[in-house]
C-alpha cells in the first residue's frame, strides 16, 4: 500500500525503505514505541516458560501488557504463536 506525505495541498509518495533484518525492525520500533504507539517499553527478548517475546510493552490507558512479535516475511504460524502468547499471559496473570 503506498504511503504519502503532505506538501502544501499536494501528496508526495514516500519511498519505501527495505529492512533486511528482523532485529532492525525491532530496534526501530522499540526506540519509537511511545511516540508511535503510546506504549511504555518494558523489555526485549522476554523469556517465560520456553517462549520468547520479542518486545514486551505496557499500555497505561488500558492498564495491560502488550506483546509485539516481529516478522520480516509472511509467516502463517503467527496465529499459533499468538495463541501460545495468550495462553502464557492468562496462565501468568500475577
PDB file of N, CA and C in Angstrom:
ATOM      1  N   UNK A   1       0.838  -1.160   0.000  1.00  0.00           N
ATOM      2  CA  UNK A   1       0.000   0.000   0.000  1.00  0.00           C
ATOM      3  C   UNK A   1       0.895   1.239   0.000  1.00  0.00           C
ATOM      4  N   UNK A   2       0.722   2.117  -0.951  1.00  0.00           N
ATOM      5  CA  UNK A   2       1.575   3.307  -0.997  1.00  0.00           C
ATOM      6  C   UNK A   2       1.272   4.264   0.158  1.00  0.00           C
ATOM      7  N   UNK A   3       2.323   4.966   0.589  1.00  0.00           N
ATOM      8  CA  UNK A   3       2.182   5.977   1.634  1.00  0.00           C
ATOM      9  C   UNK A   3       2.616   7.317   1.052  1.00  0.00           C
ATOM     10  N   UNK A   4       2.050   8.396   1.617  1.00  0.00           N
ATOM     11  CA  UNK A   4       2.309   9.726   1.085  1.00  0.00           C
ATOM     12  C   UNK A   4       2.611  10.702   2.213  1.00  0.00           C
ATOM     13  N   UNK A   5       3.309  11.771   1.879  1.00  0.00           N
ATOM     14  CA  UNK A   5       3.476  12.881   2.801  1.00  0.00           C
ATOM     15  C   UNK A   5       2.784  14.091   2.189  1.00  0.00           C
ATOM     16  N   UNK A   6       2.350  15.005   3.034  1.00  0.00           N
ATOM     17  CA  UNK A   6       1.629  16.189   2.571  1.00  0.00           C
ATOM     18  C   UNK A   6       2.626  17.318   2.352  1.00  0.00           C
ATOM     19  N   UNK A   7       2.567  17.907   1.161  1.00  0.00           N
ATOM     20  CA  UNK A   7       3.399  19.059   0.819  1.00  0.00           C
ATOM     21  C   UNK A   7       2.455  20.155   0.329  1.00  0.00           C
ATOM     22  N   UNK A   8       2.037  21.004   1.272  1.00  0.00           N
ATOM     23  CA  UNK A   8       1.033  22.017   0.928  1.00  0.00           C
ATOM     24  C   UNK A   8      -0.294  21.335   0.680  1.00  0.00           C
ATOM     25  N   UNK A   9      -0.773  21.423  -0.561  1.00  0.00           N
ATOM     26  CA  UNK A   9      -2.031  20.754  -0.935  1.00  0.00           C
ATOM     27  C   UNK A   9      -1.765  19.531  -1.807  1.00  0.00           C
ATOM     28  N   UNK A  10      -0.521  19.138  -1.877  1.00  0.00           N
ATOM     29  CA  UNK A  10      -0.130  18.046  -2.767  1.00  0.00           C
ATOM     30  C   UNK A  10       0.365  16.848  -1.947  1.00  0.00           C
ATOM     31  N   UNK A  11       0.027  15.654  -2.399  1.00  0.00           N
ATOM     32  CA  UNK A  11       0.530  14.433  -1.787  1.00  0.00           C
ATOM     33  C   UNK A  11       1.740  13.949  -2.574  1.00  0.00           C
ATOM     34  N   UNK A  12       2.819  13.679  -1.869  1.00  0.00           N
ATOM     35  CA  UNK A  12       4.031  13.165  -2.498  1.00  0.00           C
ATOM     36  C   UNK A  12       4.292  11.763  -1.973  1.00  0.00           C
ATOM     37  N   UNK A  13       4.613  10.822  -2.874  1.00  0.00           N
ATOM     38  CA  UNK A  13       4.854   9.448  -2.411  1.00  0.00           C
ATOM     39  C   UNK A  13       6.104   9.375  -1.534  1.00  0.00           C
ATOM     40  N   UNK A  14       6.030   8.516  -0.539  1.00  0.00           N
ATOM     41  CA  UNK A  14       7.169   8.244   0.327  1.00  0.00           C
ATOM     42  C   UNK A  14       7.844   6.989  -0.201  1.00  0.00           C
ATOM     43  N   UNK A  15       9.135   7.082  -0.418  1.00  0.00           N
ATOM     44  CA  UNK A  15       9.890   5.949  -0.946  1.00  0.00           C
ATOM     45  C   UNK A  15      10.020   4.855   0.124  1.00  0.00           C
ATOM     46  N   UNK A  16       9.761   3.642  -0.284  1.00  0.00           N
ATOM     47  CA  UNK A  16       9.866   2.502   0.619  1.00  0.00           C
ATOM     48  C   UNK A  16      11.327   2.190   0.887  1.00  0.00           C
ATOM     49  N   UNK A  17      11.638   1.897   2.164  1.00  0.00           N
ATOM     50  CA  UNK A  17      12.988   1.514   2.548  1.00  0.00           C
ATOM     51  C   UNK A  17      12.943   0.057   2.981  1.00  0.00           C
ATOM     52  N   UNK A  18      13.741  -0.777   2.334  1.00  0.00           N
ATOM     53  CA  UNK A  18      13.770  -2.204   2.662  1.00  0.00           C
ATOM     54  C   UNK A  18      14.595  -2.414   3.932  1.00  0.00           C
ATOM     55  N   UNK A  19      14.049  -3.178   4.856  1.00  0.00           N
ATOM     56  CA  UNK A  19      14.756  -3.521   6.083  1.00  0.00           C
ATOM     57  C   UNK A  19      15.077  -5.010   6.010  1.00  0.00           C
ATOM     58  N   UNK A  20      16.358  -5.323   6.054  1.00  0.00           N
ATOM     59  CA  UNK A  20      16.795  -6.698   5.835  1.00  0.00           C
ATOM     60  C   UNK A  20      16.636  -7.614   7.042  1.00  0.00           C
ATOM     61  N   UNK A  21      16.884  -7.084   8.233  1.00  0.00           N
ATOM     62  CA  UNK A  21      16.888  -7.936   9.411  1.00  0.00           C
ATOM     63  C   UNK A  21      15.715  -7.642  10.335  1.00  0.00           C
ATOM     64  N   UNK A  22      15.123  -8.707  10.869  1.00  0.00           N
ATOM     65  CA  UNK A  22      14.029  -8.573  11.828  1.00  0.00           C
ATOM     66  C   UNK A  22      14.484  -7.764  13.050  1.00  0.00           C
ATOM     67  N   UNK A  23      15.729  -7.942  13.467  1.00  0.00           N
ATOM     68  CA  UNK A  23      16.272  -7.222  14.621  1.00  0.00           C
ATOM     69  C   UNK A  23      16.283  -5.715  14.370  1.00  0.00           C
ATOM     70  N   UNK A  24      16.503  -5.293  13.116  1.00  0.00           N
ATOM     71  CA  UNK A  24      16.481  -3.865  12.776  1.00  0.00           C
ATOM     72  C   UNK A  24      15.074  -3.295  12.931  1.00  0.00           C
ATOM     73  N   UNK A  25      14.068  -4.065  12.535  1.00  0.00           N
ATOM     74  CA  UNK A  25      12.672  -3.643  12.702  1.00  0.00           C
ATOM     75  C   UNK A  25      12.366  -3.517  14.195  1.00  0.00           C
ATOM     76  N   UNK A  26      12.837  -4.484  14.972  1.00  0.00           N
ATOM     77  CA  UNK A  26      12.606  -4.481  16.412  1.00  0.00           C
ATOM     78  C   UNK A  26      13.244  -3.258  17.063  1.00  0.00           C
ATOM     79  N   UNK A  27      14.495  -2.977  16.754  1.00  0.00           N
ATOM     80  CA  UNK A  27      15.187  -1.826  17.350  1.00  0.00           C
ATOM     81  C   UNK A  27      14.495  -0.517  16.998  1.00  0.00           C
ATOM     82  N   UNK A  28      14.127  -0.355  15.749  1.00  0.00           N
ATOM     83  CA  UNK A  28      13.454   0.859  15.296  1.00  0.00           C
ATOM     84  C   UNK A  28      12.121   1.046  16.022  1.00  0.00           C
ATOM     85  N   UNK A  29      11.380  -0.035  16.173  1.00  0.00           N
ATOM     86  CA  UNK A  29      10.084   0.026  16.856  1.00  0.00           C
ATOM     87  C   UNK A  29      10.252   0.349  18.332  1.00  0.00           C
ATOM     88  N   UNK A  30      11.185  -0.333  18.987  1.00  0.00           N
ATOM     89  CA  UNK A  30      11.365  -0.128  20.425  1.00  0.00           C
ATOM     90  C   UNK A  30      11.810   1.297  20.744  1.00  0.00           C
ATOM     91  N   UNK A  31      12.672   1.867  19.931  1.00  0.00           N
ATOM     92  CA  UNK A  31      13.138   3.236  20.153  1.00  0.00           C
ATOM     93  C   UNK A  31      11.980   4.227  20.035  1.00  0.00           C
ATOM     94  N   UNK A  32      11.018   3.938  19.161  1.00  0.00           N
ATOM     95  CA  UNK A  32       9.909   4.852  18.885  1.00  0.00           C
ATOM     96  C   UNK A  32       8.572   4.373  19.436  1.00  0.00           C
ATOM     97  N   UNK A  33       8.597   3.424  20.353  1.00  0.00           N
ATOM     98  CA  UNK A  33       7.385   2.787  20.861  1.00  0.00           C
ATOM     99  C   UNK A  33       6.395   3.775  21.458  1.00  0.00           C
ATOM    100  N   UNK A  34       6.874   4.668  22.299  1.00  0.00           N
ATOM    101  CA  UNK A  34       5.964   5.616  22.945  1.00  0.00           C
ATOM    102  C   UNK A  34       5.440   6.644  21.939  1.00  0.00           C
ATOM    103  N   UNK A  35       6.302   7.117  21.076  1.00  0.00           N
ATOM    104  CA  UNK A  35       5.919   8.130  20.099  1.00  0.00           C
ATOM    105  C   UNK A  35       4.888   7.611  19.094  1.00  0.00           C
ATOM    106  N   UNK A  36       5.109   6.407  18.577  1.00  0.00           N
ATOM    107  CA  UNK A  36       4.240   5.860  17.526  1.00  0.00           C
ATOM    108  C   UNK A  36       2.990   5.191  18.087  1.00  0.00           C
ATOM    109  N   UNK A  37       3.142   4.405  19.149  1.00  0.00           N
ATOM    110  CA  UNK A  37       2.030   3.603  19.656  1.00  0.00           C
ATOM    111  C   UNK A  37       1.500   4.060  21.015  1.00  0.00           C
ATOM    112  N   UNK A  38       2.211   4.957  21.677  1.00  0.00           N
ATOM    113  CA  UNK A  38       1.792   5.404  23.005  1.00  0.00           C
ATOM    114  C   UNK A  38       1.984   4.336  24.067  1.00  0.00           C
ATOM    115  N   UNK A  39       2.959   3.451  23.855  1.00  0.00           N
ATOM    116  CA  UNK A  39       3.218   2.355  24.784  1.00  0.00           C
ATOM    117  C   UNK A  39       4.519   2.583  25.539  1.00  0.00           C
ATOM    118  N   UNK A  40       4.569   2.068  26.755  1.00  0.00           N
ATOM    119  CA  UNK A  40       5.784   2.140  27.559  1.00  0.00           C
ATOM    120  C   UNK A  40       6.599   0.876  27.304  1.00  0.00           C
ATOM    121  N   UNK A  41       7.853   1.041  26.921  1.00  0.00           N
ATOM    122  CA  UNK A  41       8.742  -0.093  26.672  1.00  0.00           C
ATOM    123  C   UNK A  41       9.085  -0.766  27.993  1.00  0.00           C
ATOM    124  N   UNK A  42       8.973  -2.094  28.033  1.00  0.00           N
ATOM    125  CA  UNK A  42       9.341  -2.857  29.230  1.00  0.00           C
ATOM    126  C   UNK A  42      10.670  -3.582  28.997  1.00  0.00           C
ATOM    127  N   UNK A  43      10.715  -4.476  28.009  1.00  0.00           N
ATOM    128  CA  UNK A  43      11.944  -5.220  27.752  1.00  0.00           C
ATOM    129  C   UNK A  43      11.915  -5.889  26.380  1.00  0.00           C
ATOM    130  N   UNK A  44      13.100  -6.278  25.932  1.00  0.00           N
ATOM    131  CA  UNK A  44      13.259  -7.062  24.697  1.00  0.00           C
ATOM    132  C   UNK A  44      13.555  -8.507  25.054  1.00  0.00           C
ATOM    133  N   UNK A  45      13.179  -9.399  24.160  1.00  0.00           N
ATOM    134  CA  UNK A  45      13.536 -10.813  24.274  1.00  0.00           C
ATOM    135  C   UNK A  45      13.174 -11.394  25.644  1.00  0.00           C
ATOM    136  N   UNK A  46      11.949 -11.137  26.079  1.00  0.00           N
ATOM    137  CA  UNK A  46      11.473 -11.621  27.376  1.00  0.00           C
ATOM    138  C   UNK A  46      11.138 -13.108  27.276  1.00  0.00           C
ATOM    139  N   UNK A  47      11.753 -13.921  28.128  1.00  0.00           N
ATOM    140  CA  UNK A  47      11.524 -15.376  28.100  1.00  0.00           C
ATOM    141  C   UNK A  47      10.736 -15.820  29.315  1.00  0.00           C
ATOM    142  N   UNK A  48       9.766 -16.678  29.055  1.00  0.00           N
ATOM    143  CA  UNK A  48       8.953 -17.253  30.117  1.00  0.00           C
ATOM    144  C   UNK A  48       8.401 -18.581  29.618  1.00  0.00           C
ATOM    145  N   UNK A  49       8.662 -19.643  30.359  1.00  0.00           N
ATOM    146  CA  UNK A  49       8.149 -20.983  30.027  1.00  0.00           C
ATOM    147  C   UNK A  49       8.455 -21.371  28.573  1.00  0.00           C
ATOM    148  N   UNK A  50       9.685 -21.275  28.185  1.00  0.00           N
ATOM    149  CA  UNK A  50      10.166 -21.691  26.859  1.00  0.00           C
ATOM    150  C   UNK A  50       9.590 -20.877  25.695  1.00  0.00           C
ATOM    151  N   UNK A  51       9.008 -19.728  25.974  1.00  0.00           N
ATOM    152  CA  UNK A  51       8.562 -18.817  24.919  1.00  0.00           C
ATOM    153  C   UNK A  51       9.369 -17.532  25.034  1.00  0.00           C
ATOM    154  N   UNK A  52       9.682 -16.937  23.890  1.00  0.00           N
ATOM    155  CA  UNK A  52      10.437 -15.692  23.879  1.00  0.00           C
ATOM    156  C   UNK A  52       9.612 -14.615  23.192  1.00  0.00           C
ATOM    157  N   UNK A  53       9.306 -13.560  23.928  1.00  0.00           N
ATOM    158  CA  UNK A  53       8.533 -12.440  23.405  1.00  0.00           C
ATOM    159  C   UNK A  53       9.519 -11.409  22.868  1.00  0.00           C
ATOM    160  N   UNK A  54       9.356 -11.003  21.621  1.00  0.00           N
ATOM    161  CA  UNK A  54      10.293 -10.050  21.018  1.00  0.00           C
ATOM    162  C   UNK A  54      10.318  -8.737  21.791  1.00  0.00           C
ATOM    163  N   UNK A  55       9.159  -8.109  21.961  1.00  0.00           N
ATOM    164  CA  UNK A  55       9.074  -6.859  22.721  1.00  0.00           C
ATOM    165  C   UNK A  55       7.881  -6.938  23.661  1.00  0.00           C
ATOM    166  N   UNK A  56       8.129  -6.613  24.915  1.00  0.00           N
ATOM    167  CA  UNK A  56       7.053  -6.522  25.894  1.00  0.00           C
ATOM    168  C   UNK A  56       6.891  -5.050  26.247  1.00  0.00           C
ATOM    169  N   UNK A  57       5.663  -4.552  26.116  1.00  0.00           N
ATOM    170  CA  UNK A  57       5.360  -3.151  26.398  1.00  0.00           C
ATOM    171  C   UNK A  57       4.162  -3.084  27.330  1.00  0.00           C
ATOM    172  N   UNK A  58       3.863  -1.868  27.800  1.00  0.00           N
ATOM    173  CA  UNK A  58       2.727  -1.677  28.689  1.00  0.00           C
ATOM    174  C   UNK A  58       1.895  -0.504  28.186  1.00  0.00           C
ATOM    175  N   UNK A  59       0.579  -0.713  28.138  1.00  0.00           N
ATOM    176  CA  UNK A  59      -0.355   0.328  27.720  1.00  0.00           C
ATOM    177  C   UNK A  59      -1.003   0.905  28.973  1.00  0.00           C
ATOM    178  N   UNK A  60      -0.606   2.129  29.331  1.00  0.00           N
ATOM    179  CA  UNK A  60      -1.133   2.772  30.543  1.00  0.00           C
ATOM    180  C   UNK A  60      -2.634   3.042  30.427  1.00  0.00           C
ATOM    181  N   UNK A  61      -3.093   3.305  29.219  1.00  0.00           N
ATOM    182  CA  UNK A  61      -4.509   3.632  29.010  1.00  0.00           C
ATOM    183  C   UNK A  61      -5.419   2.468  29.345  1.00  0.00           C
ATOM    184  N   UNK A  62      -5.019   1.266  28.961  1.00  0.00           N
ATOM    185  CA  UNK A  62      -5.838   0.080  29.222  1.00  0.00           C
ATOM    186  C   UNK A  62      -5.325  -0.729  30.404  1.00  0.00           C
ATOM    187  N   UNK A  63      -4.200  -0.275  30.989  1.00  0.00           N
ATOM    188  CA  UNK A  63      -3.580  -0.956  32.109  1.00  0.00           C
ATOM    189  C   UNK A  63      -3.296  -2.426  31.781  1.00  0.00           C
ATOM    190  N   UNK A  64      -2.691  -2.648  30.621  1.00  0.00           N
ATOM    191  CA  UNK A  64      -2.426  -4.014  30.188  1.00  0.00           C
ATOM    192  C   UNK A  64      -1.090  -4.112  29.456  1.00  0.00           C
ATOM    193  N   UNK A  65      -0.550  -5.309  29.463  1.00  0.00           N
ATOM    194  CA  UNK A  65       0.690  -5.570  28.747  1.00  0.00           C
ATOM    195  C   UNK A  65       0.389  -5.780  27.270  1.00  0.00           C
ATOM    196  N   UNK A  66       1.367  -5.453  26.446  1.00  0.00           N
ATOM    197  CA  UNK A  66       1.251  -5.620  25.001  1.00  0.00           C
ATOM    198  C   UNK A  66       2.461  -6.425  24.532  1.00  0.00           C
ATOM    199  N   UNK A  67       2.197  -7.456  23.764  1.00  0.00           N
ATOM    200  CA  UNK A  67       3.262  -8.279  23.189  1.00  0.00           C
ATOM    201  C   UNK A  67       3.404  -7.904  21.726  1.00  0.00           C
ATOM    202  N   UNK A  68       4.636  -7.631  21.321  1.00  0.00           N
ATOM    203  CA  UNK A  68       4.897  -7.317  19.912  1.00  0.00           C
ATOM    204  C   UNK A  68       5.837  -8.380  19.360  1.00  0.00           C
ATOM    205  N   UNK A  69       5.411  -9.002  18.275  1.00  0.00           N
ATOM    206  CA  UNK A  69       6.185 -10.037  17.596  1.00  0.00           C
ATOM    207  C   UNK A  69       6.515  -9.525  16.204  1.00  0.00           C
ATOM    208  N   UNK A  70       7.765  -9.599  15.818  1.00  0.00           N
ATOM    209  CA  UNK A  70       8.207  -9.072  14.522  1.00  0.00           C
ATOM    210  C   UNK A  70       8.376 -10.205  13.522  1.00  0.00           C
ATOM    211  N   UNK A  71       7.923  -9.951  12.315  1.00  0.00           N
ATOM    212  CA  UNK A  71       8.076 -10.904  11.223  1.00  0.00           C
ATOM    213  C   UNK A  71       8.539 -10.143   9.993  1.00  0.00           C
ATOM    214  N   UNK A  72       9.693 -10.509   9.490  1.00  0.00           N
ATOM    215  CA  UNK A  72      10.212  -9.865   8.288  1.00  0.00           C
ATOM    216  C   UNK A  72       9.475 -10.373   7.049  1.00  0.00           C
ATOM    217  N   UNK A  73       9.107 -11.622   7.078  1.00  0.00           N
ATOM    218  CA  UNK A  73       8.404 -12.253   5.960  1.00  0.00           C
ATOM    219  C   UNK A  73       7.046 -12.741   6.418  1.00  0.00           C
ATOM    220  N   UNK A  74       6.236 -13.128   5.460  1.00  0.00           N
ATOM    221  CA  UNK A  74       4.931 -13.705   5.811  1.00  0.00           C
ATOM    222  C   UNK A  74       5.151 -15.033   6.502  1.00  0.00           C
ATOM    223  N   UNK A  75       4.368 -15.256   7.528  1.00  0.00           N
ATOM    224  CA  UNK A  75       4.519 -16.471   8.295  1.00  0.00           C
ATOM    225  C   UNK A  75       3.142 -16.886   8.792  1.00  0.00           C
ATOM    226  N   UNK A  76       2.678 -18.032   8.345  1.00  0.00           N
ATOM    227  CA  UNK A  76       1.329 -18.456   8.692  1.00  0.00           C
ATOM    228  C   UNK A  76       1.231 -19.031  10.096  1.00  0.00           C
ATOM    229  N   UNK A  77       2.365 -19.278  10.765  1.00  0.00           N
ATOM    230  CA  UNK A  77       2.318 -19.813  12.128  1.00  0.00           C
ATOM    231  C   UNK A  77       2.101 -18.713  13.157  1.00  0.00           C
ATOM    232  N   UNK A  78       1.965 -17.479  12.725  1.00  0.00           N
ATOM    233  CA  UNK A  78       1.805 -16.361  13.653  1.00  0.00           C
ATOM    234  C   UNK A  78       0.528 -16.502  14.491  1.00  0.00           C
ATOM    235  N   UNK A  79      -0.521 -17.088  13.931  1.00  0.00           N
ATOM    236  CA  UNK A  79      -1.759 -17.289  14.688  1.00  0.00           C
ATOM    237  C   UNK A  79      -1.502 -18.261  15.839  1.00  0.00           C
ATOM    238  N   UNK A  80      -0.823 -19.361  15.556  1.00  0.00           N
ATOM    239  CA  UNK A  80      -0.490 -20.325  16.609  1.00  0.00           C
ATOM    240  C   UNK A  80       0.391 -19.680  17.676  1.00  0.00           C
ATOM    241  N   UNK A  81       1.331 -18.860  17.235  1.00  0.00           N
ATOM    242  CA  UNK A  81       2.206 -18.172  18.168  1.00  0.00           C
ATOM    243  C   UNK A  81       1.405 -17.199  19.028  1.00  0.00           C
ATOM    244  N   UNK A  82       0.443 -16.533  18.443  1.00  0.00           N
ATOM    245  CA  UNK A  82      -0.423 -15.616  19.192  1.00  0.00           C
ATOM    246  C   UNK A  82      -1.220 -16.340  20.259  1.00  0.00           C
ATOM    247  N   UNK A  83      -1.755 -17.507  19.912  1.00  0.00           N
ATOM    248  CA  UNK A  83      -2.499 -18.300  20.902  1.00  0.00           C
ATOM    249  C   UNK A  83      -1.579 -18.751  22.042  1.00  0.00           C
ATOM    250  N   UNK A  84      -0.344 -19.102  21.709  1.00  0.00           N
ATOM    251  CA  UNK A  84       0.612 -19.514  22.741  1.00  0.00           C
ATOM    252  C   UNK A  84       0.894 -18.352  23.685  1.00  0.00           C
ATOM    253  N   UNK A  85       1.058 -17.143  23.143  1.00  0.00           N
ATOM    254  CA  UNK A  85       1.295 -15.961  23.976  1.00  0.00           C
ATOM    255  C   UNK A  85       0.074 -15.650  24.840  1.00  0.00           C
ATOM    256  N   UNK A  86      -1.110 -15.765  24.278  1.00  0.00           N
ATOM    257  CA  UNK A  86      -2.331 -15.512  25.034  1.00  0.00           C
ATOM    258  C   UNK A  86      -2.431 -16.489  26.209  1.00  0.00           C
ATOM    259  N   UNK A  87      -2.178 -17.745  25.944  1.00  0.00           N
ATOM    260  CA  UNK A  87      -2.209 -18.764  26.989  1.00  0.00           C
ATOM    261  C   UNK A  87      -1.155 -18.460  28.065  1.00  0.00           C
ATOM    262  N   UNK A  88       0.029 -18.053  27.629  1.00  0.00           N
ATOM    263  CA  UNK A  88       1.089 -17.700  28.561  1.00  0.00           C
ATOM    264  C   UNK A  88       0.668 -16.567  29.486  1.00  0.00           C
ATOM    265  N   UNK A  89       0.077 -15.537  28.929  1.00  0.00           N
ATOM    266  CA  UNK A  89      -0.353 -14.387  29.728  1.00  0.00           C
ATOM    267  C   UNK A  89      -1.507 -14.742  30.662  1.00  0.00           C
ATOM    268  N   UNK A  90      -2.481 -15.511  30.170  1.00  0.00           N
ATOM    269  CA  UNK A  90      -3.614 -15.895  31.009  1.00  0.00           C
ATOM    270  C   UNK A  90      -3.189 -16.789  32.177  1.00  0.00           C
ATOM    271  N   UNK A  91      -2.182 -17.617  31.948  1.00  0.00           N
ATOM    272  CA  UNK A  91      -1.703 -18.520  32.997  1.00  0.00           C
ATOM    273  C   UNK A  91      -0.736 -17.848  33.963  1.00  0.00           C
ATOM    274  N   UNK A  92      -0.294 -16.636  33.634  1.00  0.00           N
ATOM    275  CA  UNK A  92       0.670 -15.923  34.481  1.00  0.00           C
ATOM    276  C   UNK A  92       0.221 -14.508  34.773  1.00  0.00           C
ATOM    277  N   UNK A  93      -1.047 -14.332  35.078  1.00  0.00           N
ATOM    278  CA  UNK A  93      -1.612 -13.000  35.326  1.00  0.00           C
ATOM    279  C   UNK A  93      -0.917 -12.265  36.458  1.00  0.00           C
ATOM    280  N   UNK A  94      -0.502 -12.999  37.472  1.00  0.00           N
ATOM    281  CA  UNK A  94       0.126 -12.343  38.618  1.00  0.00           C
ATOM    282  C   UNK A  94       1.500 -11.840  38.267  1.00  0.00           C
TER     283      UNK A  94
END
